[in-house]
Amino acid sequence: MPAQWTGEVLGEMHLNDISAQELAEKIGIHPKYLSAIMNGHREPKGAEEKVRAALDELIREKTE
């Protein structure tokens, strides 16, 4: 089962028109690996922090 934070991240992605492809590129991982993380199939250490940091950066870039 996916962690609570993944739903929050998906919501923020939707509200800010950020694709999974963009987020994966910003993190530096393959989009399919990001999908596995977001769907709860993979739980690498520090994933939440990395994903949230990349998402925050993308949001800042889009609002500038």
C-alpha atoms as a PDB file:
ATOM      1  CA  MET A   1       0.000   0.000   0.000  1.00  0.00           C
ATOM      2  CA  PRO A   2       1.388   3.436  -0.922  1.00  0.00           C
ATOM      3  CA  ALA A   3       2.450   5.740   1.882  1.00  0.00           C
ATOM      4  CA  GLN A   4       0.327   8.787   2.738  1.00  0.00           C
ATOM      5  CA  TRP A   5       2.966  11.187   1.425  1.00  0.00           C
ATOM      6  CA  THR A   6       2.710   9.798  -2.101  1.00  0.00           C
ATOM      7  CA  GLY A   7      -0.921  10.881  -2.327  1.00  0.00           C
ATOM      8  CA  GLU A   8       0.017  14.340  -1.116  1.00  0.00           C
ATOM      9  CA  VAL A   9       2.773  14.558  -3.732  1.00  0.00           C
ATOM     10  CA  LEU A  10       0.429  13.412  -6.506  1.00  0.00           C
ATOM     11  CA  GLY A  11      -2.074  16.064  -5.474  1.00  0.00           C
ATOM     12  CA  GLU A  12       0.585  18.781  -5.565  1.00  0.00           C
ATOM     13  CA  MET A  13       1.773  17.525  -8.961  1.00  0.00           C
ATOM     14  CA  HIS A  14      -1.772  17.756 -10.303  1.00  0.00           C
ATOM     15  CA  LEU A  15      -2.417  21.224  -8.861  1.00  0.00           C
ATOM     16  CA  ASN A  16       0.836  22.561 -10.307  1.00  0.00           C
ATOM     17  CA  ASP A  17       0.624  20.784 -13.679  1.00  0.00           C
ATOM     18  CA  ILE A  18       3.809  18.761 -13.120  1.00  0.00           C
ATOM     19  CA  SER A  19       4.150  15.416 -14.857  1.00  0.00           C
ATOM     20  CA  ALA A  20       5.748  12.301 -13.438  1.00  0.00           C
ATOM     21  CA  GLN A  21       8.260  12.538 -16.294  1.00  0.00           C
ATOM     22  CA  GLU A  22       9.315  16.028 -15.186  1.00  0.00           C
ATOM     23  CA  LEU A  23       9.586  14.958 -11.560  1.00  0.00           C
ATOM     24  CA  ALA A  24      11.610  11.848 -12.395  1.00  0.00           C
ATOM     25  CA  GLU A  25      14.008  13.915 -14.522  1.00  0.00           C
ATOM     26  CA  LYS A  26      14.455  16.438 -11.699  1.00  0.00           C
ATOM     27  CA  ILE A  27      15.244  13.639  -9.224  1.00  0.00           C
ATOM     28  CA  GLY A  28      17.493  11.864 -11.720  1.00  0.00           C
ATOM     29  CA  ILE A  29      15.666   8.542 -11.833  1.00  0.00           C
ATOM     30  CA  HIS A  30      13.743   6.612 -14.464  1.00  0.00           C
ATOM     31  CA  PRO A  31      10.012   7.423 -14.625  1.00  0.00           C
ATOM     32  CA  LYS A  32       9.126   3.762 -14.084  1.00  0.00           C
ATOM     33  CA  TYR A  33      11.186   3.719 -10.883  1.00  0.00           C
ATOM     34  CA  LEU A  34       9.373   6.837  -9.698  1.00  0.00           C
ATOM     35  CA  SER A  35       6.103   5.066 -10.457  1.00  0.00           C
ATOM     36  CA  ALA A  36       7.194   2.071  -8.373  1.00  0.00           C
ATOM     37  CA  ILE A  37       8.011   4.401  -5.470  1.00  0.00           C
ATOM     38  CA  MET A  38       4.745   6.319  -5.761  1.00  0.00           C
ATOM     39  CA  ASN A  39       2.724   3.092  -5.922  1.00  0.00           C
ATOM     40  CA  GLY A  40       4.394   1.590  -2.860  1.00  0.00           C
ATOM     41  CA  HIS A  41       6.315  -1.134  -4.703  1.00  0.00           C
ATOM     42  CA  ARG A  42       9.707   0.355  -3.793  1.00  0.00           C
ATOM     43  CA  GLU A  43      10.696   2.182  -0.602  1.00  0.00           C
ATOM     44  CA  PRO A  44      14.260   3.477  -0.973  1.00  0.00           C
ATOM     45  CA  LYS A  45      15.795   5.361   1.930  1.00  0.00           C
ATOM     46  CA  GLY A  46      15.183   9.086   1.742  1.00  0.00           C
ATOM     47  CA  ALA A  47      12.682   8.778  -1.108  1.00  0.00           C
ATOM     48  CA  GLU A  48      10.108  11.077   0.460  1.00  0.00           C
ATOM     49  CA  GLU A  49      12.657  13.811   1.092  1.00  0.00           C
ATOM     50  CA  LYS A  50      14.120  13.588  -2.420  1.00  0.00           C
ATOM     51  CA  VAL A  51      10.728  13.557  -4.114  1.00  0.00           C
ATOM     52  CA  ARG A  52       9.374  16.441  -2.057  1.00  0.00           C
ATOM     53  CA  ALA A  53      12.541  18.523  -2.585  1.00  0.00           C
ATOM     54  CA  ALA A  54      12.417  17.983  -6.356  1.00  0.00           C
ATOM     55  CA  LEU A  55       8.708  18.787  -6.443  1.00  0.00           C
ATOM     56  CA  ASP A  56       9.238  21.989  -4.463  1.00  0.00           C
ATOM     57  CA  GLU A  57      11.990  23.014  -6.869  1.00  0.00           C
ATOM     58  CA  LEU A  58       9.782  22.356  -9.905  1.00  0.00           C
ATOM     59  CA  ILE A  59       6.956  24.372  -8.361  1.00  0.00           C
ATOM     60  CA  ARG A  60       9.345  27.286  -7.706  1.00  0.00           C
ATOM     61  CA  GLU A  61      10.602  27.121 -11.297  1.00  0.00           C
ATOM     62  CA  LYS A  62       7.056  27.186 -12.679  1.00  0.00           C
ATOM     63  CA  THR A  63       6.021  30.168 -10.557  1.00  0.00           C
ATOM     64  CA  GLU A  64       9.019  32.324 -11.500  1.00  0.00           C
END
